[in-house]
Amino acid sequence: MASNERKYDAILVGGGHNGLVCAAYLARAGLKTVVLERRGVVGGAAVTEEFHPGFRNSVASYTVSLLQPKVIADLDLHRHGLRIVQRRRNNFLPLPDGRYLLTGGGRTQEEVAKFSRRDAEKLPEYERRIDAIADVLRALVLQPPPNIAEGGWWKALPELLRGAKVGKRLLQLDETLRQELLDLFAISAAEYLDRWFESEPIKALFGFDGVVGNYASPYAPGSAYVLLHHVFGEVNGVKGAWGHAIGGMGAITQAMAGAAREAGAEIRTGAGVREILVENGKAVGVVTEAGETLHACCVVANVGPKLLYERLLPSQDVPAPTRERMRNWRVGSGTFRMNVALSRLPDFSALPGEGDHLTAGIILAPSLAYMDRAWRDAMDFGWSREPIVEMLIPSTLDDSLAPPGRHVASLFCQQVAPTLPDGRSWDEHREEVADLMIATVDRWAPGFAASVLGRQIKSPLDLERDFGLVGGDIFHGALSLNQLFSARPMLGQADYRGAIPGLYLCGSGTHPGGGVTGAPGHNAAQAVIADL
C-alpha cells in the first residue's frame, strides 16, 4: 500500500442524509469513518441554499414527516440545532368552482361535510384503519426485511426468524386490516379511495399522495402503496403530521453532520468518488475524482443502486444477476422542482387573504381525473400542459428564509417525463416549463406571477446532475411492489449488504424507500457494525 494511501474502517460514498446518519452510528461504535461528498456542502438533496439575494430555501427535499424519531433521539439532533415546527393546517385544496377543502386543525371532518356528509361520517374509520396499518409499517422501518438469498440452512435460519417477527407484527392487525394492507400494496390509489369516498375533493386530496414522486396515474396499480408510504411519518410526536425544519431541510443534515463529527467521523466535501476499488472480489476502497486512493475495510454507498452498479463499479466486478436487475430497475419520479422568491404572499381566489391555509401543503390538482390527464399528457408530450403542483410557503412558519415582508415558496411539480421524447433535452425546455408552473399557480392565485422576484429551477436532468438522482428519481427507484421490502434493491441484498463482500448500501434505494427518513442509514450501520 502506497504511503499516501489512508486506511479507514468505513468509507461513505455520498454525504446525503442517510450517509451522515450511517457515519454517525459507525463513528459512535468506534469505527474510523470518512464521508466523501462530491458537492461543496453535505446534505445531498436535503440542503438549504440562497437562491436569490436575501432568499433561502430547501433546494430539493422540502418538508418533514418521515424522519425517524429514534434517529433524532440517538443522534441528539435537537442539541445540534434541529427544530421542527408543525404546519398550522395540513392541506389546502382550492377548486375551480371557487370552493375549497382545508384539512387539519381539528376541522377536517367539518370541511369534508361541505362536500359529502356520508364522506365525513366515514372519515374517522378511514383514518383509524390507515393509522393502524401505518403503525405496523412504522415498526418495520428500522429493521431489515427478510433477506431472501441462496445458502444453507445456517444462512436461511436468521431470515426465517426475521420473517416470523414480521408475521407476528402483521398478526397484530385483524383479518380485515390484513386484507386491506395486501390490497394497499397492489391496487391503485383511486380504487382504494373509491371504496371509501364519493366526493372528488377528498379523493383528490388523499390521492395526491399516491402520485408524489410516482410517475404514474392515480389509477395505476400500486399507487395505493405510495399513498400509504407518505402517511406513516410523524412530527414532534404527532402521527401523520407534516412540518418544517427551521432553517430549511439543510438544518436537518447540518445537525446530522454535527453529530457525526462529534462522534469522530471525518467529513470531506468536494471529494467526489470516481470508482469503487475491487480486489479479489471484495470492495476495498475508492478512487476520488481528484485521483486520490483511499482504502477501507468496507465501502458504504449512499447513492442509488443504479448509479452504484452501473457507474461506480467496473462492470466485470458486478455479478450478472445484479447487472440484469439494474437494467430493469425502474427510476424516474416525474418531478420538476422550483423555488421562488416572492414580493408578497399569494392571494387565492377560493380563499382570499392571509391565513393558516398558507402554512399548509397547497395542492393544485382538483380531482383524480385531473391527475390522470396530467400523467397521460406527460407521457405523450414530455410534460403536462395542466400540471400537478404542490406549493409550500415555509416563510409563513420561518421568517429566517426571506427579508421582512417577503416570502419564499417551494413548488413541487408532478408529471414531467424523466427523459423527454424525440431526443429533446431538458436544458432546452426547463425555462418554458418553469413559466408553465408559475402560470398554473397564477390561475388559482391571480397576481402570483407578478410577485415572483427570482426563481431556482431543478428539472429531472438537473436533479440527476446536481444530486446523483438517476432519472431525477427522488426515491432512488420507484416504490412499486417489485421494488419494495425484500426486493429493494433486489432479492439477496435486502439486508444492506451489496453484491460483493465489503460493499454496503445505505441510500433510499434500500428498505424502507424514499423520503428524508434516516432509516436506511440507521439500518445499514447496524449491518456494518455486526460484520466488523
Protein backbone atom coordinates (compact mmCIF):
# COMPACT_ATOMS: atom_id res chain seq x y z
CA MET A 1 0.00 0.00 0.00
CA ALA A 2 1.50 3.34 -1.04
CA SER A 3 2.45 5.77 1.71
CA ASN A 4 -0.12 8.38 0.60
CA GLU A 5 -2.99 5.88 0.91
CA ARG A 6 -5.11 6.11 4.05
CA LYS A 7 -6.79 3.27 5.88
CA TYR A 8 -10.32 3.53 7.30
CA ASP A 9 -12.80 1.09 8.70
CA ALA A 10 -15.58 2.53 6.53
CA ILE A 11 -15.79 4.92 3.60
CA LEU A 12 -19.19 6.51 2.97
CA VAL A 13 -19.76 7.41 -0.68
CA GLY A 14 -22.11 10.40 -0.63
CA GLY A 15 -22.91 12.84 2.16
CA GLY A 16 -26.69 12.84 1.85
CA HIS A 17 -28.77 12.49 4.98
CA ASN A 18 -28.61 8.68 5.12
CA GLY A 19 -24.84 8.73 4.66
CA LEU A 20 -24.47 11.18 7.54
CA VAL A 21 -26.74 9.08 9.77
CA CYS A 22 -24.81 5.92 8.93
CA ALA A 23 -21.47 7.66 9.54
CA ALA A 24 -22.62 8.94 12.92
CA TYR A 25 -23.65 5.47 14.09
CA LEU A 26 -20.43 3.90 12.78
CA ALA A 27 -18.25 6.52 14.43
CA ARG A 28 -20.15 6.15 17.71
CA ALA A 29 -19.33 2.42 17.52
CA GLY A 30 -15.65 3.29 17.39
CA LEU A 31 -15.09 2.72 13.66
CA LYS A 32 -12.76 5.06 11.80
CA THR A 33 -15.16 6.56 9.27
CA VAL A 34 -14.91 9.08 6.45
CA VAL A 35 -17.71 10.61 4.37
CA LEU A 36 -16.84 11.67 0.82
CA GLU A 37 -19.25 14.20 -0.72
CA ARG A 38 -18.90 15.42 -4.31
CA ARG A 39 -20.60 18.79 -3.73
CA GLY A 40 -19.27 21.65 -1.66
CA VAL A 41 -21.85 21.05 1.07
CA VAL A 42 -23.14 17.91 2.75
CA GLY A 43 -26.81 17.01 2.81
CA GLY A 44 -27.45 15.60 -0.65
CA ALA A 45 -30.96 16.61 -1.70
CA ALA A 46 -31.74 17.88 1.83
CA VAL A 47 -29.91 21.22 1.73
CA THR A 48 -30.75 24.88 2.17
CA GLU A 49 -29.26 27.45 -0.20
CA GLU A 50 -29.62 31.14 -1.01
CA PHE A 51 -31.12 31.06 -4.49
CA HIS A 52 -31.88 34.80 -4.85
CA PRO A 53 -30.22 37.64 -2.93
CA GLY A 54 -31.63 37.54 0.61
CA PHE A 55 -33.85 34.50 -0.06
CA ARG A 56 -33.04 30.96 1.16
CA ASN A 57 -34.99 27.75 0.80
CA SER A 58 -34.74 23.99 0.81
CA VAL A 59 -33.41 23.17 -2.64
CA ALA A 60 -34.90 19.73 -3.34
CA SER A 61 -36.38 17.90 -0.31
CA TYR A 62 -38.69 20.46 1.23
CA THR A 63 -40.83 19.15 4.10
CA VAL A 64 -40.50 16.92 7.18
CA SER A 65 -42.56 13.97 8.37
CA LEU A 66 -40.82 10.66 7.76
CA LEU A 67 -37.63 11.45 9.74
CA GLN A 68 -37.39 8.70 12.33
CA PRO A 69 -37.81 9.77 15.98
CA LYS A 70 -35.23 7.15 17.04
CA VAL A 71 -32.64 8.70 14.73
CA ILE A 72 -33.44 12.17 16.08
CA ALA A 73 -33.03 10.90 19.67
CA ASP A 74 -29.98 8.67 19.12
CA LEU A 75 -28.01 11.42 17.39
CA ASP A 76 -29.38 14.12 19.70
CA LEU A 77 -30.22 16.26 16.68
CA HIS A 78 -32.10 18.87 18.72
CA ARG A 79 -28.90 19.60 20.66
CA HIS A 80 -27.18 20.05 17.31
CA GLY A 81 -29.67 22.74 16.31
CA LEU A 82 -32.62 20.89 14.81
CA ARG A 83 -36.03 22.46 15.41
CA ILE A 84 -39.16 21.29 13.62
CA VAL A 85 -42.48 23.13 13.67
CA GLN A 86 -45.78 21.67 12.56
CA ARG A 87 -47.92 23.21 9.84
CA ARG A 88 -50.92 25.03 11.30
CA ARG A 89 -53.16 23.34 8.73
CA ASN A 90 -52.39 20.14 6.81
CA ASN A 91 -53.55 20.70 3.24
CA PHE A 92 -55.40 23.31 1.21
CA LEU A 93 -57.15 22.23 -1.99
CA PRO A 94 -58.72 25.09 -3.99
CA LEU A 95 -61.35 24.08 -6.54
CA PRO A 96 -62.30 25.52 -9.95
CA ASP A 97 -65.82 26.43 -8.80
CA GLY A 98 -64.45 28.71 -6.08
CA ARG A 99 -64.90 26.27 -3.20
CA TYR A 100 -62.04 24.74 -1.23
CA LEU A 101 -61.12 21.92 1.15
CA LEU A 102 -58.88 22.79 4.10
CA THR A 103 -57.80 19.97 6.39
CA GLY A 104 -56.17 19.80 9.81
CA GLY A 105 -56.54 21.94 12.86
CA GLY A 106 -59.36 19.73 14.15
CA ARG A 107 -61.70 20.78 11.35
CA THR A 108 -61.14 18.10 8.69
CA GLN A 109 -64.44 16.29 9.22
CA GLU A 110 -66.37 19.57 9.17
CA GLU A 111 -64.61 20.57 5.94
CA VAL A 112 -65.33 17.24 4.25
CA ALA A 113 -69.00 17.56 5.22
CA LYS A 114 -69.23 20.62 2.96
CA PHE A 115 -68.99 18.19 0.04
CA SER A 116 -70.47 14.98 1.45
CA ARG A 117 -71.95 14.17 4.85
CA ARG A 118 -71.50 10.48 4.05
CA ASP A 119 -67.77 11.01 3.47
CA ALA A 120 -67.48 12.99 6.68
CA GLU A 121 -69.08 10.13 8.59
CA LYS A 122 -66.73 7.58 7.01
CA LEU A 123 -63.58 9.65 7.55
CA PRO A 124 -62.86 8.57 11.18
CA GLU A 125 -62.95 4.86 10.24
CA TYR A 126 -60.74 5.51 7.19
CA GLU A 127 -58.22 7.31 9.39
CA ARG A 128 -58.40 4.57 12.04
CA ARG A 129 -57.60 1.87 9.52
CA ILE A 130 -54.81 3.84 7.82
CA ASP A 131 -53.29 4.66 11.22
CA ALA A 132 -53.43 1.01 12.34
CA ILE A 133 -51.71 -0.17 9.16
CA ALA A 134 -49.19 2.68 9.33
CA ASP A 135 -48.34 1.69 12.91
CA VAL A 136 -47.34 -1.78 11.71
CA LEU A 137 -45.20 -0.31 8.93
CA ARG A 138 -43.56 2.12 11.35
CA ALA A 139 -42.47 -0.87 13.44
CA LEU A 140 -40.81 -2.44 10.37
CA VAL A 141 -38.95 0.67 9.18
CA LEU A 142 -35.92 0.37 11.47
CA GLN A 143 -35.14 -3.26 10.80
CA PRO A 144 -34.05 -5.07 7.64
CA PRO A 145 -36.69 -7.11 5.86
CA PRO A 146 -36.16 -10.86 5.42
CA ASN A 147 -33.26 -11.25 3.00
CA ILE A 148 -34.15 -13.98 0.55
CA ALA A 149 -30.81 -15.38 -0.66
CA GLU A 150 -29.06 -18.56 -1.57
CA GLY A 151 -27.21 -20.57 1.04
CA GLY A 152 -27.60 -23.38 3.53
CA TRP A 153 -29.92 -23.54 6.47
CA TRP A 154 -27.47 -21.59 8.67
CA LYS A 155 -27.92 -18.61 6.36
CA ALA A 156 -31.63 -19.12 5.92
CA LEU A 157 -32.45 -19.52 9.62
CA PRO A 158 -31.91 -15.87 10.68
CA GLU A 159 -34.03 -14.74 7.74
CA LEU A 160 -36.78 -17.19 8.64
CA LEU A 161 -36.76 -15.85 12.19
CA ARG A 162 -36.90 -12.30 10.89
CA GLY A 163 -39.79 -13.28 8.65
CA ALA A 164 -41.54 -14.77 11.66
CA LYS A 165 -41.16 -11.48 13.51
CA VAL A 166 -42.67 -9.63 10.56
CA GLY A 167 -45.52 -12.13 10.54
CA LYS A 168 -46.07 -11.56 14.24
CA ARG A 169 -46.34 -7.82 13.59
CA LEU A 170 -48.91 -8.42 10.86
CA LEU A 171 -50.92 -10.63 13.16
CA GLN A 172 -51.47 -7.57 15.33
CA LEU A 173 -53.87 -6.49 12.60
CA ASP A 174 -57.31 -8.08 12.48
CA GLU A 175 -58.30 -10.09 9.42
CA THR A 176 -59.94 -7.12 7.71
CA LEU A 177 -56.87 -4.92 8.12
CA ARG A 178 -54.50 -7.67 6.92
CA GLN A 179 -56.54 -7.94 3.73
CA GLU A 180 -56.57 -4.15 3.44
CA LEU A 181 -52.79 -4.00 3.78
CA LEU A 182 -52.42 -6.56 1.00
CA ASP A 183 -54.74 -4.50 -1.19
CA LEU A 184 -52.78 -1.34 -0.49
CA PHE A 185 -49.64 -2.95 -1.87
CA ALA A 186 -51.34 -3.96 -5.11
CA ILE A 187 -54.25 -1.73 -6.13
CA SER A 188 -54.46 1.85 -7.31
CA ALA A 189 -54.93 4.87 -5.07
CA ALA A 190 -58.13 5.66 -6.99
CA GLU A 191 -59.60 2.19 -6.43
CA TYR A 192 -58.78 2.35 -2.73
CA LEU A 193 -60.25 5.82 -2.27
CA ASP A 194 -63.35 4.94 -4.31
CA ARG A 195 -64.08 2.26 -1.72
CA TRP A 196 -64.33 4.91 0.95
CA PHE A 197 -65.46 8.22 -0.51
CA GLU A 198 -67.83 9.67 -3.07
CA SER A 199 -66.74 13.33 -3.27
CA GLU A 200 -63.95 14.26 -5.67
CA PRO A 201 -62.20 16.83 -3.42
CA ILE A 202 -61.45 14.39 -0.60
CA LYS A 203 -60.29 11.76 -3.09
CA ALA A 204 -58.04 14.33 -4.79
CA LEU A 205 -56.55 15.47 -1.51
CA PHE A 206 -55.68 11.95 -0.35
CA GLY A 207 -54.91 10.73 -3.87
CA PHE A 208 -52.20 13.35 -4.35
CA ASP A 209 -50.01 11.30 -2.01
CA GLY A 210 -50.31 8.43 -4.49
CA VAL A 211 -48.59 10.38 -7.28
CA VAL A 212 -45.91 12.20 -5.25
CA GLY A 213 -42.62 11.10 -6.77
CA ASN A 214 -44.56 8.46 -8.68
CA TYR A 215 -44.56 8.92 -12.46
CA ALA A 216 -47.92 7.21 -12.85
CA SER A 217 -51.64 7.79 -12.86
CA PRO A 218 -53.54 7.55 -9.56
CA TYR A 219 -55.42 4.79 -11.39
CA ALA A 220 -52.19 2.76 -11.80
CA PRO A 221 -51.94 -0.46 -9.75
CA GLY A 222 -49.52 0.02 -6.86
CA SER A 223 -50.15 3.73 -6.40
CA ALA A 224 -52.14 2.97 -3.23
CA TYR A 225 -48.87 1.92 -1.54
CA VAL A 226 -47.23 5.23 -2.49
CA LEU A 227 -50.16 6.92 -0.75
CA LEU A 228 -49.57 4.76 2.33
CA HIS A 229 -45.81 5.44 2.27
CA HIS A 230 -46.48 9.14 2.76
CA VAL A 231 -48.68 8.76 5.85
CA PHE A 232 -46.52 6.72 8.25
CA GLY A 233 -44.43 9.66 9.41
CA GLU A 234 -44.82 11.95 12.40
CA VAL A 235 -43.74 15.38 13.62
CA ASN A 236 -42.95 16.10 17.27
CA GLY A 237 -44.88 13.00 18.31
CA VAL A 238 -47.95 13.72 16.16
CA LYS A 239 -48.52 10.77 13.83
CA GLY A 240 -49.16 11.53 10.17
CA ALA A 241 -48.30 15.21 10.60
CA TRP A 242 -46.04 17.26 8.32
CA GLY A 243 -43.74 20.04 9.40
CA HIS A 244 -40.95 22.43 8.56
CA ALA A 245 -37.36 22.44 9.79
CA ILE A 246 -36.43 25.94 10.91
CA GLY A 247 -33.67 26.99 8.53
CA GLY A 248 -34.88 24.58 5.84
CA MET A 249 -34.00 20.96 5.20
CA GLY A 250 -30.32 21.83 5.40
CA ALA A 251 -30.81 22.33 9.13
CA ILE A 252 -31.54 18.60 9.41
CA THR A 253 -28.41 17.50 7.58
CA GLN A 254 -26.20 20.08 9.27
CA ALA A 255 -27.37 18.69 12.62
CA MET A 256 -26.60 15.17 11.38
CA ALA A 257 -23.15 16.27 10.22
CA GLY A 258 -22.54 17.84 13.62
CA ALA A 259 -23.48 14.59 15.35
CA ALA A 260 -21.23 12.58 13.03
CA ARG A 261 -18.23 14.88 13.55
CA GLU A 262 -18.77 14.90 17.30
CA ALA A 263 -18.65 11.10 17.25
CA GLY A 264 -15.36 11.21 15.36
CA ALA A 265 -16.35 10.85 11.71
CA GLU A 266 -14.34 12.75 9.11
CA ILE A 267 -16.42 14.58 6.50
CA ARG A 268 -14.85 15.78 3.26
CA THR A 269 -16.65 17.93 0.70
CA GLY A 270 -15.53 18.50 -2.88
CA ALA A 271 -14.45 14.85 -2.81
CA GLY A 272 -16.48 13.01 -5.41
CA VAL A 273 -15.83 9.30 -5.93
CA ARG A 274 -14.87 8.19 -9.42
CA GLU A 275 -14.68 4.46 -8.78
CA ILE A 276 -15.07 1.89 -6.03
CA LEU A 277 -11.99 -0.32 -5.85
CA VAL A 278 -12.47 -4.06 -6.02
CA GLU A 279 -9.64 -6.51 -5.28
CA ASN A 280 -10.06 -10.27 -5.30
CA GLY A 281 -13.82 -9.87 -5.48
CA LYS A 282 -14.06 -7.54 -2.45
CA ALA A 283 -14.68 -3.80 -2.14
CA VAL A 284 -11.52 -2.38 -0.56
CA GLY A 285 -11.69 1.38 -1.12
CA VAL A 286 -12.31 4.17 -3.60
CA VAL A 287 -10.58 6.42 -6.08
CA THR A 288 -11.75 10.03 -5.87
CA GLU A 289 -12.37 12.28 -8.84
CA ALA A 290 -9.12 14.03 -7.92
CA GLY A 291 -7.25 10.74 -8.27
CA GLU A 292 -6.69 10.05 -4.57
CA THR A 293 -6.90 6.42 -3.46
CA LEU A 294 -8.42 5.59 -0.08
CA HIS A 295 -8.58 2.09 1.38
CA ALA A 296 -11.02 0.75 3.96
CA CYS A 297 -12.41 -2.46 5.40
CA CYS A 298 -15.74 -1.64 3.73
CA VAL A 299 -17.40 0.85 1.41
CA VAL A 300 -20.92 2.09 2.17
CA ALA A 301 -22.73 3.59 -0.83
CA ASN A 302 -25.20 6.38 -0.12
CA VAL A 303 -26.18 6.61 -3.78
CA GLY A 304 -28.96 4.98 -5.75
CA PRO A 305 -28.36 1.34 -6.69
CA LYS A 306 -28.46 2.11 -10.41
CA LEU A 307 -25.77 4.77 -10.04
CA LEU A 308 -23.71 2.46 -7.82
CA TYR A 309 -23.75 -0.63 -10.00
CA GLU A 310 -23.68 0.99 -13.43
CA ARG A 311 -21.31 3.92 -12.90
CA LEU A 312 -19.15 3.47 -9.81
CA LEU A 313 -18.20 -0.19 -10.13
CA PRO A 314 -16.39 -1.82 -13.06
CA SER A 315 -18.94 -3.90 -14.95
CA GLN A 316 -16.84 -7.06 -14.68
CA ASP A 317 -16.95 -6.81 -10.88
CA VAL A 318 -20.76 -6.69 -10.73
CA PRO A 319 -22.40 -10.15 -10.72
CA ALA A 320 -24.58 -10.84 -13.77
CA PRO A 321 -27.88 -11.07 -11.79
CA THR A 322 -27.24 -7.60 -10.31
CA ARG A 323 -26.42 -6.16 -13.73
CA GLU A 324 -29.67 -7.54 -15.10
CA ARG A 325 -31.64 -6.24 -12.12
CA MET A 326 -30.21 -2.75 -12.61
CA ARG A 327 -31.08 -2.78 -16.32
CA ASN A 328 -34.68 -3.33 -15.24
CA TRP A 329 -34.58 -1.09 -12.13
CA ARG A 330 -37.30 1.49 -12.64
CA VAL A 331 -36.26 5.07 -11.93
CA GLY A 332 -37.72 8.44 -12.84
CA SER A 333 -40.21 10.05 -10.48
CA GLY A 334 -41.61 12.63 -12.91
CA THR A 335 -40.65 15.52 -10.65
CA PHE A 336 -39.89 19.14 -11.57
CA ARG A 337 -38.77 21.22 -8.56
CA MET A 338 -38.76 25.01 -8.20
CA ASN A 339 -38.12 27.63 -5.54
CA VAL A 340 -39.43 31.16 -5.96
CA ALA A 341 -38.73 34.42 -4.15
CA LEU A 342 -41.94 36.40 -3.63
CA SER A 343 -42.63 40.08 -3.03
CA ARG A 344 -45.84 39.13 -1.20
CA LEU A 345 -47.96 36.17 -0.19
CA PRO A 346 -50.21 34.64 -2.86
CA ASP A 347 -53.91 35.51 -2.79
CA PHE A 348 -56.08 32.55 -3.74
CA SER A 349 -59.43 33.18 -5.42
CA ALA A 350 -61.05 30.37 -3.44
CA LEU A 351 -59.87 31.72 -0.07
CA PRO A 352 -58.59 35.31 -0.38
CA GLY A 353 -56.23 36.96 2.06
CA GLU A 354 -53.71 35.65 4.55
CA GLY A 355 -54.39 32.83 6.98
CA ASP A 356 -53.34 29.42 8.22
CA HIS A 357 -54.18 27.88 4.83
CA LEU A 358 -50.94 29.43 3.56
CA THR A 359 -48.92 27.30 6.03
CA ALA A 360 -50.44 24.13 4.55
CA GLY A 361 -49.46 21.98 1.61
CA ILE A 362 -51.35 23.73 -1.19
CA ILE A 363 -52.44 21.15 -3.77
CA LEU A 364 -53.31 22.39 -7.25
CA ALA A 365 -54.89 19.26 -8.69
CA PRO A 366 -58.66 19.27 -8.11
CA SER A 367 -59.51 15.65 -8.99
CA LEU A 368 -58.10 12.21 -9.66
CA ALA A 369 -59.18 12.59 -13.28
CA TYR A 370 -57.09 15.78 -13.50
CA MET A 371 -54.08 13.86 -12.17
CA ASP A 372 -54.66 11.05 -14.66
CA ARG A 373 -54.81 13.52 -17.57
CA ALA A 374 -51.60 15.15 -16.33
CA TRP A 375 -49.76 11.83 -16.45
CA ARG A 376 -51.14 10.89 -19.88
CA ASP A 377 -50.18 14.30 -21.26
CA ALA A 378 -46.66 13.98 -19.89
CA MET A 379 -46.30 10.52 -21.43
CA ASP A 380 -47.29 11.89 -24.84
CA PHE A 381 -45.78 15.36 -24.78
CA GLY A 382 -42.98 15.30 -22.21
CA TRP A 383 -44.76 17.37 -19.59
CA SER A 384 -48.34 18.07 -18.66
CA ARG A 385 -49.82 21.25 -20.06
CA GLU A 386 -52.06 21.24 -16.95
CA PRO A 387 -49.56 20.04 -14.34
CA ILE A 388 -49.95 18.94 -10.75
CA VAL A 389 -48.36 21.48 -8.41
CA GLU A 390 -47.98 21.36 -4.65
CA MET A 391 -46.88 24.67 -3.17
CA LEU A 392 -45.48 25.24 0.31
CA ILE A 393 -44.65 28.67 1.70
CA PRO A 394 -42.20 27.86 4.51
CA SER A 395 -41.55 31.53 5.29
CA THR A 396 -45.03 31.62 6.87
CA LEU A 397 -43.54 29.40 9.60
CA ASP A 398 -39.88 30.51 9.43
CA ASP A 399 -39.08 34.19 8.95
CA SER A 400 -35.35 33.47 8.65
CA LEU A 401 -35.76 32.44 5.00
CA ALA A 402 -36.70 35.80 3.46
CA PRO A 403 -36.37 39.54 4.12
CA PRO A 404 -39.14 41.17 6.20
CA GLY A 405 -42.41 41.29 4.31
CA ARG A 406 -41.11 38.93 1.62
CA HIS A 407 -41.59 35.18 1.23
CA VAL A 408 -40.25 32.03 -0.39
CA ALA A 409 -42.29 29.21 -1.88
CA SER A 410 -41.45 25.65 -2.86
CA LEU A 411 -43.16 24.35 -5.99
CA PHE A 412 -43.18 20.56 -6.17
CA CYS A 413 -44.45 19.77 -9.66
CA GLN A 414 -45.50 16.29 -10.74
CA GLN A 415 -45.90 14.57 -14.11
CA VAL A 416 -42.99 15.57 -16.27
CA ALA A 417 -41.13 12.94 -18.27
CA PRO A 418 -37.79 11.98 -16.68
CA THR A 419 -36.38 11.84 -20.22
CA LEU A 420 -38.10 13.91 -22.88
CA PRO A 421 -39.35 12.14 -26.02
CA ASP A 422 -37.92 12.71 -29.51
CA GLY A 423 -34.40 13.28 -28.22
CA ARG A 424 -35.21 16.67 -26.71
CA SER A 425 -33.12 17.88 -23.77
CA TRP A 426 -34.47 19.28 -20.52
CA ASP A 427 -31.87 22.04 -20.83
CA GLU A 428 -33.78 23.34 -23.86
CA HIS A 429 -37.18 23.36 -22.14
CA ARG A 430 -36.60 23.97 -18.42
CA GLU A 431 -37.40 27.71 -18.59
CA GLU A 432 -40.51 27.07 -20.68
CA VAL A 433 -41.80 24.52 -18.18
CA ALA A 434 -40.92 26.79 -15.25
CA ASP A 435 -43.05 29.52 -16.85
CA LEU A 436 -45.89 27.00 -17.15
CA MET A 437 -45.64 26.04 -13.47
CA ILE A 438 -45.80 29.68 -12.37
CA ALA A 439 -48.71 30.34 -14.75
CA THR A 440 -50.50 27.32 -13.26
CA VAL A 441 -50.27 28.81 -9.76
CA ASP A 442 -51.32 32.20 -11.15
CA ARG A 443 -54.60 30.70 -12.40
CA TRP A 444 -55.52 29.82 -8.81
CA ALA A 445 -53.91 32.88 -7.20
CA PRO A 446 -54.08 35.81 -9.69
CA GLY A 447 -51.09 38.10 -9.36
CA PHE A 448 -48.76 35.32 -8.27
CA ALA A 449 -46.62 35.53 -11.42
CA ALA A 450 -46.14 39.27 -10.93
CA SER A 451 -44.96 38.69 -7.35
CA VAL A 452 -42.07 36.39 -8.38
CA LEU A 453 -38.75 38.18 -7.83
CA GLY A 454 -36.49 35.26 -8.62
CA ARG A 455 -36.57 31.52 -9.16
CA GLN A 456 -34.50 28.37 -8.94
CA ILE A 457 -35.29 25.51 -11.33
CA LYS A 458 -34.48 21.82 -10.97
CA SER A 459 -35.61 19.73 -13.94
CA PRO A 460 -35.24 15.94 -13.77
CA LEU A 461 -31.90 16.35 -15.55
CA ASP A 462 -30.79 18.99 -13.03
CA LEU A 463 -31.74 16.67 -10.15
CA GLU A 464 -29.61 13.93 -11.69
CA ARG A 465 -26.60 16.16 -12.35
CA ASP A 466 -26.73 18.03 -9.05
CA PHE A 467 -27.68 15.25 -6.64
CA GLY A 468 -26.97 11.99 -8.45
CA LEU A 469 -30.70 11.15 -8.68
CA VAL A 470 -30.75 8.99 -11.82
CA GLY A 471 -33.74 9.98 -13.93
CA GLY A 472 -34.45 12.70 -11.39
CA ASP A 473 -35.84 9.96 -9.13
CA ILE A 474 -36.30 11.38 -5.62
CA PHE A 475 -36.68 7.86 -4.19
CA HIS A 476 -33.60 6.26 -5.88
CA GLY A 477 -36.09 3.87 -7.51
CA ALA A 478 -39.84 3.53 -7.88
CA LEU A 479 -41.86 2.38 -4.88
CA SER A 480 -43.52 -0.41 -6.84
CA LEU A 481 -44.34 -3.83 -5.42
CA ASN A 482 -41.37 -5.48 -7.19
CA GLN A 483 -39.01 -2.84 -5.76
CA LEU A 484 -40.07 -2.89 -2.11
CA PHE A 485 -39.21 -4.69 1.11
CA SER A 486 -37.14 -7.85 0.44
CA ALA A 487 -36.86 -6.87 -3.24
CA ARG A 488 -35.32 -3.44 -2.55
CA PRO A 489 -32.94 -3.22 -4.29
CA MET A 490 -33.14 -6.95 -5.10
CA LEU A 491 -33.57 -10.33 -3.52
CA GLY A 492 -30.39 -11.19 -1.62
CA GLN A 493 -29.43 -7.56 -0.94
CA ALA A 494 -32.30 -6.51 1.32
CA ASP A 495 -30.04 -6.58 4.40
CA TYR A 496 -27.99 -3.58 3.13
CA ARG A 497 -25.10 -5.85 2.08
CA GLY A 498 -24.24 -5.30 -1.56
CA ALA A 499 -23.47 -7.60 -4.47
CA ILE A 500 -19.86 -8.15 -3.40
CA PRO A 501 -18.24 -8.57 0.03
CA GLY A 502 -17.22 -5.34 1.72
CA LEU A 503 -19.89 -3.31 -0.10
CA TYR A 504 -22.96 -1.94 1.69
CA LEU A 505 -25.88 0.23 0.60
CA CYS A 506 -27.47 2.89 2.83
CA GLY A 507 -29.48 5.09 0.45
CA SER A 508 -33.17 5.39 -0.37
CA GLY A 509 -32.85 2.55 -2.88
CA THR A 510 -32.94 0.22 0.12
CA HIS A 511 -35.74 -0.54 2.60
CA PRO A 512 -37.93 1.33 3.54
CA GLY A 513 -37.52 3.57 0.50
CA GLY A 514 -37.52 7.27 -0.21
CA GLY A 515 -38.07 10.39 1.82
CA VAL A 516 -35.93 12.00 4.50
CA THR A 517 -36.23 9.14 7.00
CA GLY A 518 -32.70 8.30 8.15
CA ALA A 519 -33.87 4.68 8.32
CA PRO A 520 -31.61 3.20 5.61
CA GLY A 521 -28.60 4.91 7.20
CA HIS A 522 -29.54 3.57 10.62
CA ASN A 523 -30.17 0.03 9.37
CA ALA A 524 -27.08 -0.18 7.18
CA ALA A 525 -24.91 0.93 10.10
CA GLN A 526 -26.19 -1.98 12.17
CA ALA A 527 -25.19 -4.39 9.38
CA VAL A 528 -21.70 -2.90 9.11
CA ILE A 529 -21.17 -2.92 12.87
CA ALA A 530 -22.31 -6.55 13.08
CA ASP A 531 -19.87 -7.58 10.35
CA LEU A 532 -16.87 -5.57 11.51
